[in-house]
């Protein structure tokens, strides 16, 4: 009569683990640099930019296009790094579904 309750317990356990990982990822921060290393960006688990630092030498050189490209590169690298970390965490849990 109630033989499916074991599966329900596993589902509830996985659901709790997913919420815990989402909470952990939301609070996490990852830093990445532009391809040339002149700009560093930090994003959180929601892919929001939370910090940005620019090498003063690139600023004093006054090459706006180079600065813009470095900023975009750093932000994209940080976001991609966070996406990979999030996917790795979620796939670890998803492995428990199979």
PDB file of N, CA and C in Angstrom:
ATOM      1  N   UNK A   1       0.809  -1.197   0.000  1.00  0.00           N
ATOM      2  CA  UNK A   1       0.000   0.000   0.000  1.00  0.00           C
ATOM      3  C   UNK A   1       0.858   1.268   0.000  1.00  0.00           C
ATOM      4  N   UNK A   2       1.891   1.322   0.822  1.00  0.00           N
ATOM      5  CA  UNK A   2       2.730   2.511   0.918  1.00  0.00           C
ATOM      6  C   UNK A   2       4.149   2.230   0.427  1.00  0.00           C
ATOM      7  N   UNK A   3       4.280   1.330  -0.524  1.00  0.00           N
ATOM      8  CA  UNK A   3       5.629   0.926  -0.903  1.00  0.00           C
ATOM      9  C   UNK A   3       6.402   2.017  -1.643  1.00  0.00           C
ATOM     10  N   UNK A   4       5.781   3.037  -2.172  1.00  0.00           N
ATOM     11  CA  UNK A   4       6.470   4.117  -2.868  1.00  0.00           C
ATOM     12  C   UNK A   4       7.059   5.176  -1.946  1.00  0.00           C
ATOM     13  N   UNK A   5       6.853   5.071  -0.657  1.00  0.00           N
ATOM     14  CA  UNK A   5       7.328   6.096   0.271  1.00  0.00           C
ATOM     15  C   UNK A   5       8.851   6.149   0.365  1.00  0.00           C
ATOM     16  N   UNK A   6       9.531   5.053   0.116  1.00  0.00           N
ATOM     17  CA  UNK A   6      10.993   5.069   0.121  1.00  0.00           C
ATOM     18  C   UNK A   6      11.529   6.008  -0.937  1.00  0.00           C
ATOM     19  N   UNK A   7      10.949   5.957  -2.117  1.00  0.00           N
ATOM     20  CA  UNK A   7      11.353   6.866  -3.195  1.00  0.00           C
ATOM     21  C   UNK A   7      11.061   8.316  -2.834  1.00  0.00           C
ATOM     22  N   UNK A   8       9.961   8.543  -2.166  1.00  0.00           N
ATOM     23  CA  UNK A   8       9.591   9.898  -1.765  1.00  0.00           C
ATOM     24  C   UNK A   8      10.626  10.452  -0.793  1.00  0.00           C
ATOM     25  N   UNK A   9      11.112   9.617   0.102  1.00  0.00           N
ATOM     26  CA  UNK A   9      12.147  10.041   1.045  1.00  0.00           C
ATOM     27  C   UNK A   9      13.414  10.452   0.324  1.00  0.00           C
ATOM     28  N   UNK A  10      13.800   9.690  -0.713  1.00  0.00           N
ATOM     29  CA  UNK A  10      14.983  10.039  -1.498  1.00  0.00           C
ATOM     30  C   UNK A  10      14.781  11.346  -2.236  1.00  0.00           C
ATOM     31  N   UNK A  11      13.606  11.556  -2.767  1.00  0.00           N
ATOM     32  CA  UNK A  11      13.305  12.793  -3.487  1.00  0.00           C
ATOM     33  C   UNK A  11      13.387  13.988  -2.542  1.00  0.00           C
ATOM     34  N   UNK A  12      12.837  13.842  -1.356  1.00  0.00           N
ATOM     35  CA  UNK A  12      12.890  14.927  -0.380  1.00  0.00           C
ATOM     36  C   UNK A  12      14.322  15.220   0.037  1.00  0.00           C
ATOM     37  N   UNK A  13      15.123  14.175   0.175  1.00  0.00           N
ATOM     38  CA  UNK A  13      16.526  14.338   0.546  1.00  0.00           C
ATOM     39  C   UNK A  13      17.270  15.085  -0.562  1.00  0.00           C
ATOM     40  N   UNK A  14      17.051  14.692  -1.811  1.00  0.00           N
ATOM     41  CA  UNK A  14      17.698  15.357  -2.936  1.00  0.00           C
ATOM     42  C   UNK A  14      17.246  16.808  -3.058  1.00  0.00           C
ATOM     43  N   UNK A  15      15.969  17.038  -2.805  1.00  0.00           N
ATOM     44  CA  UNK A  15      15.440  18.400  -2.863  1.00  0.00           C
ATOM     45  C   UNK A  15      16.140  19.283  -1.824  1.00  0.00           C
ATOM     46  N   UNK A  16      16.352  18.758  -0.631  1.00  0.00           N
ATOM     47  CA  UNK A  16      17.042  19.514   0.416  1.00  0.00           C
ATOM     48  C   UNK A  16      18.494  19.777   0.017  1.00  0.00           C
ATOM     49  N   UNK A  17      19.149  18.762  -0.552  1.00  0.00           N
ATOM     50  CA  UNK A  17      20.530  18.941  -0.995  1.00  0.00           C
ATOM     51  C   UNK A  17      20.618  20.005  -2.078  1.00  0.00           C
ATOM     52  N   UNK A  18      19.660  20.014  -3.003  1.00  0.00           N
ATOM     53  CA  UNK A  18      19.648  21.024  -4.067  1.00  0.00           C
ATOM     54  C   UNK A  18      19.504  22.423  -3.470  1.00  0.00           C
ATOM     55  N   UNK A  19      18.615  22.582  -2.504  1.00  0.00           N
ATOM     56  CA  UNK A  19      18.431  23.883  -1.872  1.00  0.00           C
ATOM     57  C   UNK A  19      19.699  24.317  -1.148  1.00  0.00           C
ATOM     58  N   UNK A  20      20.365  23.371  -0.487  1.00  0.00           N
ATOM     59  CA  UNK A  20      21.608  23.691   0.214  1.00  0.00           C
ATOM     60  C   UNK A  20      22.686  24.151  -0.759  1.00  0.00           C
ATOM     61  N   UNK A  21      22.794  23.460  -1.890  1.00  0.00           N
ATOM     62  CA  UNK A  21      23.799  23.838  -2.884  1.00  0.00           C
ATOM     63  C   UNK A  21      23.466  25.202  -3.487  1.00  0.00           C
ATOM     64  N   UNK A  22      22.200  25.452  -3.777  1.00  0.00           N
ATOM     65  CA  UNK A  22      21.799  26.749  -4.326  1.00  0.00           C
ATOM     66  C   UNK A  22      22.142  27.871  -3.351  1.00  0.00           C
ATOM     67  N   UNK A  23      21.916  27.618  -2.067  1.00  0.00           N
ATOM     68  CA  UNK A  23      22.226  28.605  -1.036  1.00  0.00           C
ATOM     69  C   UNK A  23      23.743  28.856  -0.985  1.00  0.00           C
ATOM     70  N   UNK A  24      24.505  27.770  -1.042  1.00  0.00           N
ATOM     71  CA  UNK A  24      25.969  27.869  -1.019  1.00  0.00           C
ATOM     72  C   UNK A  24      26.470  28.630  -2.244  1.00  0.00           C
ATOM     73  N   UNK A  25      25.940  28.289  -3.405  1.00  0.00           N
ATOM     74  CA  UNK A  25      26.371  28.965  -4.639  1.00  0.00           C
ATOM     75  C   UNK A  25      26.005  30.445  -4.621  1.00  0.00           C
ATOM     76  N   UNK A  26      24.831  30.749  -4.097  1.00  0.00           N
ATOM     77  CA  UNK A  26      24.380  32.139  -4.031  1.00  0.00           C
ATOM     78  C   UNK A  26      25.345  32.988  -3.203  1.00  0.00           C
ATOM     79  N   UNK A  27      25.887  32.398  -2.153  1.00  0.00           N
ATOM     80  CA  UNK A  27      26.793  33.120  -1.268  1.00  0.00           C
ATOM     81  C   UNK A  27      28.245  33.094  -1.759  1.00  0.00           C
ATOM     82  N   UNK A  28      28.544  32.282  -2.753  1.00  0.00           N
ATOM     83  CA  UNK A  28      29.934  32.140  -3.192  1.00  0.00           C
ATOM     84  C   UNK A  28      30.373  33.307  -4.070  1.00  0.00           C
ATOM     85  N   UNK A  29      31.669  33.479  -4.143  1.00  0.00           N
ATOM     86  CA  UNK A  29      32.291  34.505  -4.964  1.00  0.00           C
ATOM     87  C   UNK A  29      33.432  33.861  -5.745  1.00  0.00           C
ATOM     88  N   UNK A  30      33.578  34.251  -7.013  1.00  0.00           N
ATOM     89  CA  UNK A  30      34.680  33.770  -7.831  1.00  0.00           C
ATOM     90  C   UNK A  30      35.330  34.938  -8.549  1.00  0.00           C
ATOM     91  N   UNK A  31      36.663  34.912  -8.590  1.00  0.00           N
ATOM     92  CA  UNK A  31      37.409  35.951  -9.273  1.00  0.00           C
ATOM     93  C   UNK A  31      38.045  35.380 -10.531  1.00  0.00           C
ATOM     94  N   UNK A  32      38.094  36.193 -11.564  1.00  0.00           N
ATOM     95  CA  UNK A  32      38.803  35.840 -12.792  1.00  0.00           C
ATOM     96  C   UNK A  32      39.384  37.128 -13.368  1.00  0.00           C
ATOM     97  N   UNK A  33      40.413  36.953 -14.169  1.00  0.00           N
ATOM     98  CA  UNK A  33      41.081  38.100 -14.766  1.00  0.00           C
ATOM     99  C   UNK A  33      40.813  38.159 -16.265  1.00  0.00           C
ATOM    100  N   UNK A  34      41.072  39.321 -16.819  1.00  0.00           N
ATOM    101  CA  UNK A  34      41.011  39.470 -18.271  1.00  0.00           C
ATOM    102  C   UNK A  34      42.134  38.627 -18.879  1.00  0.00           C
ATOM    103  N   UNK A  35      42.059  38.415 -20.158  1.00  0.00           N
ATOM    104  CA  UNK A  35      43.066  37.592 -20.825  1.00  0.00           C
ATOM    105  C   UNK A  35      44.483  38.141 -20.640  1.00  0.00           C
ATOM    106  N   UNK A  36      44.615  39.462 -20.562  1.00  0.00           N
ATOM    107  CA  UNK A  36      45.949  40.052 -20.369  1.00  0.00           C
ATOM    108  C   UNK A  36      46.273  40.310 -18.898  1.00  0.00           C
ATOM    109  N   UNK A  37      45.341  39.996 -17.982  1.00  0.00           N
ATOM    110  CA  UNK A  37      45.584  40.129 -16.550  1.00  0.00           C
ATOM    111  C   UNK A  37      45.477  41.529 -15.995  1.00  0.00           C
ATOM    112  N   UNK A  38      45.064  42.494 -16.788  1.00  0.00           N
ATOM    113  CA  UNK A  38      45.017  43.880 -16.315  1.00  0.00           C
ATOM    114  C   UNK A  38      43.750  44.231 -15.553  1.00  0.00           C
ATOM    115  N   UNK A  39      42.729  43.406 -15.689  1.00  0.00           N
ATOM    116  CA  UNK A  39      41.461  43.657 -15.002  1.00  0.00           C
ATOM    117  C   UNK A  39      41.037  42.376 -14.301  1.00  0.00           C
ATOM    118  N   UNK A  40      40.535  42.527 -13.071  1.00  0.00           N
ATOM    119  CA  UNK A  40      40.018  41.385 -12.316  1.00  0.00           C
ATOM    120  C   UNK A  40      38.569  41.670 -11.947  1.00  0.00           C
ATOM    121  N   UNK A  41      37.740  40.644 -12.126  1.00  0.00           N
ATOM    122  CA  UNK A  41      36.318  40.770 -11.813  1.00  0.00           C
ATOM    123  C   UNK A  41      35.921  39.675 -10.837  1.00  0.00           C
ATOM    124  N   UNK A  42      35.007  40.002  -9.939  1.00  0.00           N
ATOM    125  CA  UNK A  42      34.468  39.033  -8.990  1.00  0.00           C
ATOM    126  C   UNK A  42      32.958  38.990  -9.191  1.00  0.00           C
ATOM    127  N   UNK A  43      32.422  37.778  -9.379  1.00  0.00           N
ATOM    128  CA  UNK A  43      30.980  37.601  -9.496  1.00  0.00           C
ATOM    129  C   UNK A  43      30.507  36.696  -8.379  1.00  0.00           C
ATOM    130  N   UNK A  44      29.225  36.842  -8.033  1.00  0.00           N
ATOM    131  CA  UNK A  44      28.646  35.947  -7.045  1.00  0.00           C
ATOM    132  C   UNK A  44      27.913  34.812  -7.758  1.00  0.00           C
ATOM    133  N   UNK A  45      27.319  33.933  -6.991  1.00  0.00           N
ATOM    134  CA  UNK A  45      26.636  32.773  -7.545  1.00  0.00           C
ATOM    135  C   UNK A  45      25.430  33.101  -8.401  1.00  0.00           C
ATOM    136  N   UNK A  46      24.953  34.322  -8.321  1.00  0.00           N
ATOM    137  CA  UNK A  46      23.843  34.752  -9.168  1.00  0.00           C
ATOM    138  C   UNK A  46      24.351  35.479 -10.408  1.00  0.00           C
ATOM    139  N   UNK A  47      25.670  35.416 -10.616  1.00  0.00           N
ATOM    140  CA  UNK A  47      26.353  36.035 -11.752  1.00  0.00           C
ATOM    141  C   UNK A  47      26.295  37.559 -11.735  1.00  0.00           C
ATOM    142  N   UNK A  48      26.147  38.123 -10.547  1.00  0.00           N
ATOM    143  CA  UNK A  48      26.207  39.576 -10.402  1.00  0.00           C
ATOM    144  C   UNK A  48      27.658  39.978 -10.183  1.00  0.00           C
ATOM    145  N   UNK A  49      28.090  41.035 -10.847  1.00  0.00           N
ATOM    146  CA  UNK A  49      29.420  41.582 -10.642  1.00  0.00           C
ATOM    147  C   UNK A  49      29.448  42.241  -9.266  1.00  0.00           C
ATOM    148  N   UNK A  50      30.372  41.817  -8.404  1.00  0.00           N
ATOM    149  CA  UNK A  50      30.427  42.384  -7.052  1.00  0.00           C
ATOM    150  C   UNK A  50      31.719  43.144  -6.784  1.00  0.00           C
ATOM    151  N   UNK A  51      32.724  42.966  -7.655  1.00  0.00           N
ATOM    152  CA  UNK A  51      33.965  43.724  -7.494  1.00  0.00           C
ATOM    153  C   UNK A  51      34.685  43.768  -8.837  1.00  0.00           C
ATOM    154  N   UNK A  52      35.404  44.849  -9.050  1.00  0.00           N
ATOM    155  CA  UNK A  52      36.153  45.026 -10.281  1.00  0.00           C
ATOM    156  C   UNK A  52      37.397  45.840  -9.954  1.00  0.00           C
ATOM    157  N   UNK A  53      38.547  45.355 -10.395  1.00  0.00           N
ATOM    158  CA  UNK A  53      39.768  46.130 -10.200  1.00  0.00           C
ATOM    159  C   UNK A  53      40.507  46.232 -11.531  1.00  0.00           C
ATOM    160  N   UNK A  54      41.038  47.426 -11.782  1.00  0.00           N
ATOM    161  CA  UNK A  54      41.732  47.713 -13.025  1.00  0.00           C
ATOM    162  C   UNK A  54      43.150  48.166 -12.693  1.00  0.00           C
ATOM    163  N   UNK A  55      44.108  47.557 -13.356  1.00  0.00           N
ATOM    164  CA  UNK A  55      45.516  47.896 -13.163  1.00  0.00           C
ATOM    165  C   UNK A  55      45.716  49.379 -13.503  1.00  0.00           C
ATOM    166  N   UNK A  56      46.284  50.151 -12.582  1.00  0.00           N
ATOM    167  CA  UNK A  56      46.486  51.588 -12.838  1.00  0.00           C
ATOM    168  C   UNK A  56      47.332  51.876 -14.083  1.00  0.00           C
ATOM    169  N   UNK A  57      48.208  50.959 -14.428  1.00  0.00           N
ATOM    170  CA  UNK A  57      49.054  51.190 -15.615  1.00  0.00           C
ATOM    171  C   UNK A  57      48.225  51.233 -16.898  1.00  0.00           C
ATOM    172  N   UNK A  58      47.218  50.370 -16.999  1.00  0.00           N
ATOM    173  CA  UNK A  58      46.376  50.380 -18.199  1.00  0.00           C
ATOM    174  C   UNK A  58      45.528  51.656 -18.248  1.00  0.00           C
ATOM    175  N   UNK A  59      45.155  52.152 -17.070  1.00  0.00           N
ATOM    176  CA  UNK A  59      44.379  53.389 -17.019  1.00  0.00           C
ATOM    177  C   UNK A  59      45.252  54.571 -17.438  1.00  0.00           C
ATOM    178  N   UNK A  60      46.477  54.621 -16.919  1.00  0.00           N
ATOM    179  CA  UNK A  60      47.366  55.745 -17.246  1.00  0.00           C
ATOM    180  C   UNK A  60      47.779  55.737 -18.721  1.00  0.00           C
ATOM    181  N   UNK A  61      47.746  54.555 -19.343  1.00  0.00           N
ATOM    182  CA  UNK A  61      48.068  54.477 -20.767  1.00  0.00           C
ATOM    183  C   UNK A  61      46.977  55.138 -21.602  1.00  0.00           C
ATOM    184  N   UNK A  62      45.768  55.205 -21.043  1.00  0.00           N
ATOM    185  CA  UNK A  62      44.683  55.941 -21.684  1.00  0.00           C
ATOM    186  C   UNK A  62      44.054  55.273 -22.900  1.00  0.00           C
ATOM    187  N   UNK A  63      44.285  54.015 -23.099  1.00  0.00           N
ATOM    188  CA  UNK A  63      43.701  53.309 -24.233  1.00  0.00           C
ATOM    189  C   UNK A  63      42.325  52.777 -23.837  1.00  0.00           C
ATOM    190  N   UNK A  64      41.300  53.568 -24.089  1.00  0.00           N
ATOM    191  CA  UNK A  64      39.945  53.221 -23.651  1.00  0.00           C
ATOM    192  C   UNK A  64      39.462  51.897 -24.228  1.00  0.00           C
ATOM    193  N   UNK A  65      39.705  51.662 -25.491  1.00  0.00           N
ATOM    194  CA  UNK A  65      39.245  50.418 -26.123  1.00  0.00           C
ATOM    195  C   UNK A  65      39.883  49.196 -25.454  1.00  0.00           C
ATOM    196  N   UNK A  66      41.170  49.302 -25.128  1.00  0.00           N
ATOM    197  CA  UNK A  66      41.861  48.189 -24.460  1.00  0.00           C
ATOM    198  C   UNK A  66      41.258  47.944 -23.070  1.00  0.00           C
ATOM    199  N   UNK A  67      40.966  49.010 -22.372  1.00  0.00           N
ATOM    200  CA  UNK A  67      40.352  48.899 -21.044  1.00  0.00           C
ATOM    201  C   UNK A  67      38.974  48.247 -21.167  1.00  0.00           C
ATOM    202  N   UNK A  68      38.180  48.722 -22.107  1.00  0.00           N
ATOM    203  CA  UNK A  68      36.834  48.170 -22.298  1.00  0.00           C
ATOM    204  C   UNK A  68      36.890  46.677 -22.606  1.00  0.00           C
ATOM    205  N   UNK A  69      37.788  46.289 -23.507  1.00  0.00           N
ATOM    206  CA  UNK A  69      37.921  44.869 -23.855  1.00  0.00           C
ATOM    207  C   UNK A  69      38.369  44.049 -22.654  1.00  0.00           C
ATOM    208  N   UNK A  70      39.289  44.593 -21.853  1.00  0.00           N
ATOM    209  CA  UNK A  70      39.779  43.873 -20.672  1.00  0.00           C
ATOM    210  C   UNK A  70      38.677  43.712 -19.630  1.00  0.00           C
ATOM    211  N   UNK A  71      37.861  44.749 -19.443  1.00  0.00           N
ATOM    212  CA  UNK A  71      36.748  44.674 -18.483  1.00  0.00           C
ATOM    213  C   UNK A  71      35.747  43.599 -18.925  1.00  0.00           C
ATOM    214  N   UNK A  72      35.380  43.628 -20.189  1.00  0.00           N
ATOM    215  CA  UNK A  72      34.437  42.632 -20.711  1.00  0.00           C
ATOM    216  C   UNK A  72      35.009  41.230 -20.560  1.00  0.00           C
ATOM    217  N   UNK A  73      36.273  41.077 -20.891  1.00  0.00           N
ATOM    218  CA  UNK A  73      36.930  39.773 -20.794  1.00  0.00           C
ATOM    219  C   UNK A  73      36.927  39.259 -19.356  1.00  0.00           C
ATOM    220  N   UNK A  74      37.284  40.107 -18.408  1.00  0.00           N
ATOM    221  CA  UNK A  74      37.335  39.693 -17.000  1.00  0.00           C
ATOM    222  C   UNK A  74      35.954  39.282 -16.489  1.00  0.00           C
ATOM    223  N   UNK A  75      34.952  40.063 -16.815  1.00  0.00           N
ATOM    224  CA  UNK A  75      33.593  39.746 -16.354  1.00  0.00           C
ATOM    225  C   UNK A  75      33.107  38.446 -16.978  1.00  0.00           C
ATOM    226  N   UNK A  76      33.310  38.300 -18.277  1.00  0.00           N
ATOM    227  CA  UNK A  76      32.887  37.066 -18.940  1.00  0.00           C
ATOM    228  C   UNK A  76      33.630  35.849 -18.405  1.00  0.00           C
ATOM    229  N   UNK A  77      34.934  35.984 -18.149  1.00  0.00           N
ATOM    230  CA  UNK A  77      35.709  34.869 -17.596  1.00  0.00           C
ATOM    231  C   UNK A  77      35.206  34.480 -16.209  1.00  0.00           C
ATOM    232  N   UNK A  78      34.895  35.479 -15.383  1.00  0.00           N
ATOM    233  CA  UNK A  78      34.389  35.190 -14.038  1.00  0.00           C
ATOM    234  C   UNK A  78      33.016  34.526 -14.105  1.00  0.00           C
ATOM    235  N   UNK A  79      32.149  35.016 -14.972  1.00  0.00           N
ATOM    236  CA  UNK A  79      30.807  34.438 -15.113  1.00  0.00           C
ATOM    237  C   UNK A  79      30.899  32.997 -15.617  1.00  0.00           C
ATOM    238  N   UNK A  80      31.755  32.752 -16.580  1.00  0.00           N
ATOM    239  CA  UNK A  80      31.916  31.400 -17.118  1.00  0.00           C
ATOM    240  C   UNK A  80      32.459  30.444 -16.048  1.00  0.00           C
ATOM    241  N   UNK A  81      33.398  30.925 -15.263  1.00  0.00           N
ATOM    242  CA  UNK A  81      33.966  30.123 -14.177  1.00  0.00           C
ATOM    243  C   UNK A  81      32.875  29.752 -13.160  1.00  0.00           C
ATOM    244  N   UNK A  82      32.021  30.738 -12.839  1.00  0.00           N
ATOM    245  CA  UNK A  82      30.935  30.479 -11.887  1.00  0.00           C
ATOM    246  C   UNK A  82      29.914  29.516 -12.478  1.00  0.00           C
ATOM    247  N   UNK A  83      29.605  29.651 -13.760  1.00  0.00           N
ATOM    248  CA  UNK A  83      28.661  28.726 -14.401  1.00  0.00           C
ATOM    249  C   UNK A  83      29.181  27.300 -14.345  1.00  0.00           C
ATOM    250  N   UNK A  84      30.478  27.126 -14.612  1.00  0.00           N
ATOM    251  CA  UNK A  84      31.062  25.780 -14.554  1.00  0.00           C
ATOM    252  C   UNK A  84      30.994  25.210 -13.142  1.00  0.00           C
ATOM    253  N   UNK A  85      31.309  26.053 -12.142  1.00  0.00           N
ATOM    254  CA  UNK A  85      31.250  25.581 -10.760  1.00  0.00           C
ATOM    255  C   UNK A  85      29.827  25.189 -10.394  1.00  0.00           C
ATOM    256  N   UNK A  86      28.863  26.000 -10.781  1.00  0.00           N
ATOM    257  CA  UNK A  86      27.458  25.704 -10.483  1.00  0.00           C
ATOM    258  C   UNK A  86      27.017  24.410 -11.161  1.00  0.00           C
ATOM    259  N   UNK A  87      27.401  24.240 -12.420  1.00  0.00           N
ATOM    260  CA  UNK A  87      27.040  23.023 -13.148  1.00  0.00           C
ATOM    261  C   UNK A  87      27.673  21.792 -12.508  1.00  0.00           C
ATOM    262  N   UNK A  88      28.915  21.919 -12.071  1.00  0.00           N
ATOM    263  CA  UNK A  88      29.585  20.797 -11.406  1.00  0.00           C
ATOM    264  C   UNK A  88      28.860  20.407 -10.116  1.00  0.00           C
ATOM    265  N   UNK A  89      28.486  21.405  -9.339  1.00  0.00           N
ATOM    266  CA  UNK A  89      27.772  21.139  -8.084  1.00  0.00           C
ATOM    267  C   UNK A  89      26.421  20.478  -8.346  1.00  0.00           C
ATOM    268  N   UNK A  90      25.698  21.009  -9.318  1.00  0.00           N
ATOM    269  CA  UNK A  90      24.373  20.466  -9.615  1.00  0.00           C
ATOM    270  C   UNK A  90      24.458  19.061 -10.210  1.00  0.00           C
ATOM    271  N   UNK A  91      25.464  18.809 -11.039  1.00  0.00           N
ATOM    272  CA  UNK A  91      25.584  17.468 -11.630  1.00  0.00           C
ATOM    273  C   UNK A  91      25.956  16.445 -10.571  1.00  0.00           C
ATOM    274  N   UNK A  92      26.663  16.882  -9.538  1.00  0.00           N
ATOM    275  CA  UNK A  92      26.995  15.970  -8.435  1.00  0.00           C
ATOM    276  C   UNK A  92      25.703  15.476  -7.767  1.00  0.00           C
ATOM    277  N   UNK A  93      24.776  16.383  -7.578  1.00  0.00           N
ATOM    278  CA  UNK A  93      23.506  16.018  -6.966  1.00  0.00           C
ATOM    279  C   UNK A  93      22.655  15.227  -7.951  1.00  0.00           C
ATOM    280  N   UNK A  94      22.649  15.672  -9.213  1.00  0.00           N
ATOM    281  CA  UNK A  94      21.835  14.996 -10.220  1.00  0.00           C
ATOM    282  C   UNK A  94      22.261  13.545 -10.409  1.00  0.00           C
ATOM    283  N   UNK A  95      23.510  13.259 -10.135  1.00  0.00           N
ATOM    284  CA  UNK A  95      23.981  11.884 -10.212  1.00  0.00           C
ATOM    285  C   UNK A  95      23.234  10.979  -9.253  1.00  0.00           C
ATOM    286  N   UNK A  96      22.731  11.554  -8.179  1.00  0.00           N
ATOM    287  CA  UNK A  96      21.944  10.783  -7.219  1.00  0.00           C
ATOM    288  C   UNK A  96      20.555  10.449  -7.703  1.00  0.00           C
ATOM    289  N   UNK A  97      20.119  11.067  -8.794  1.00  0.00           N
ATOM    290  CA  UNK A  97      18.793  10.803  -9.332  1.00  0.00           C
ATOM    291  C   UNK A  97      18.766   9.560 -10.214  1.00  0.00           C
ATOM    292  N   UNK A  98      19.934   9.201 -10.724  1.00  0.00           N
ATOM    293  CA  UNK A  98      20.002   8.095 -11.676  1.00  0.00           C
ATOM    294  C   UNK A  98      20.048   6.763 -10.949  1.00  0.00           C
TER     295      UNK A  98
END
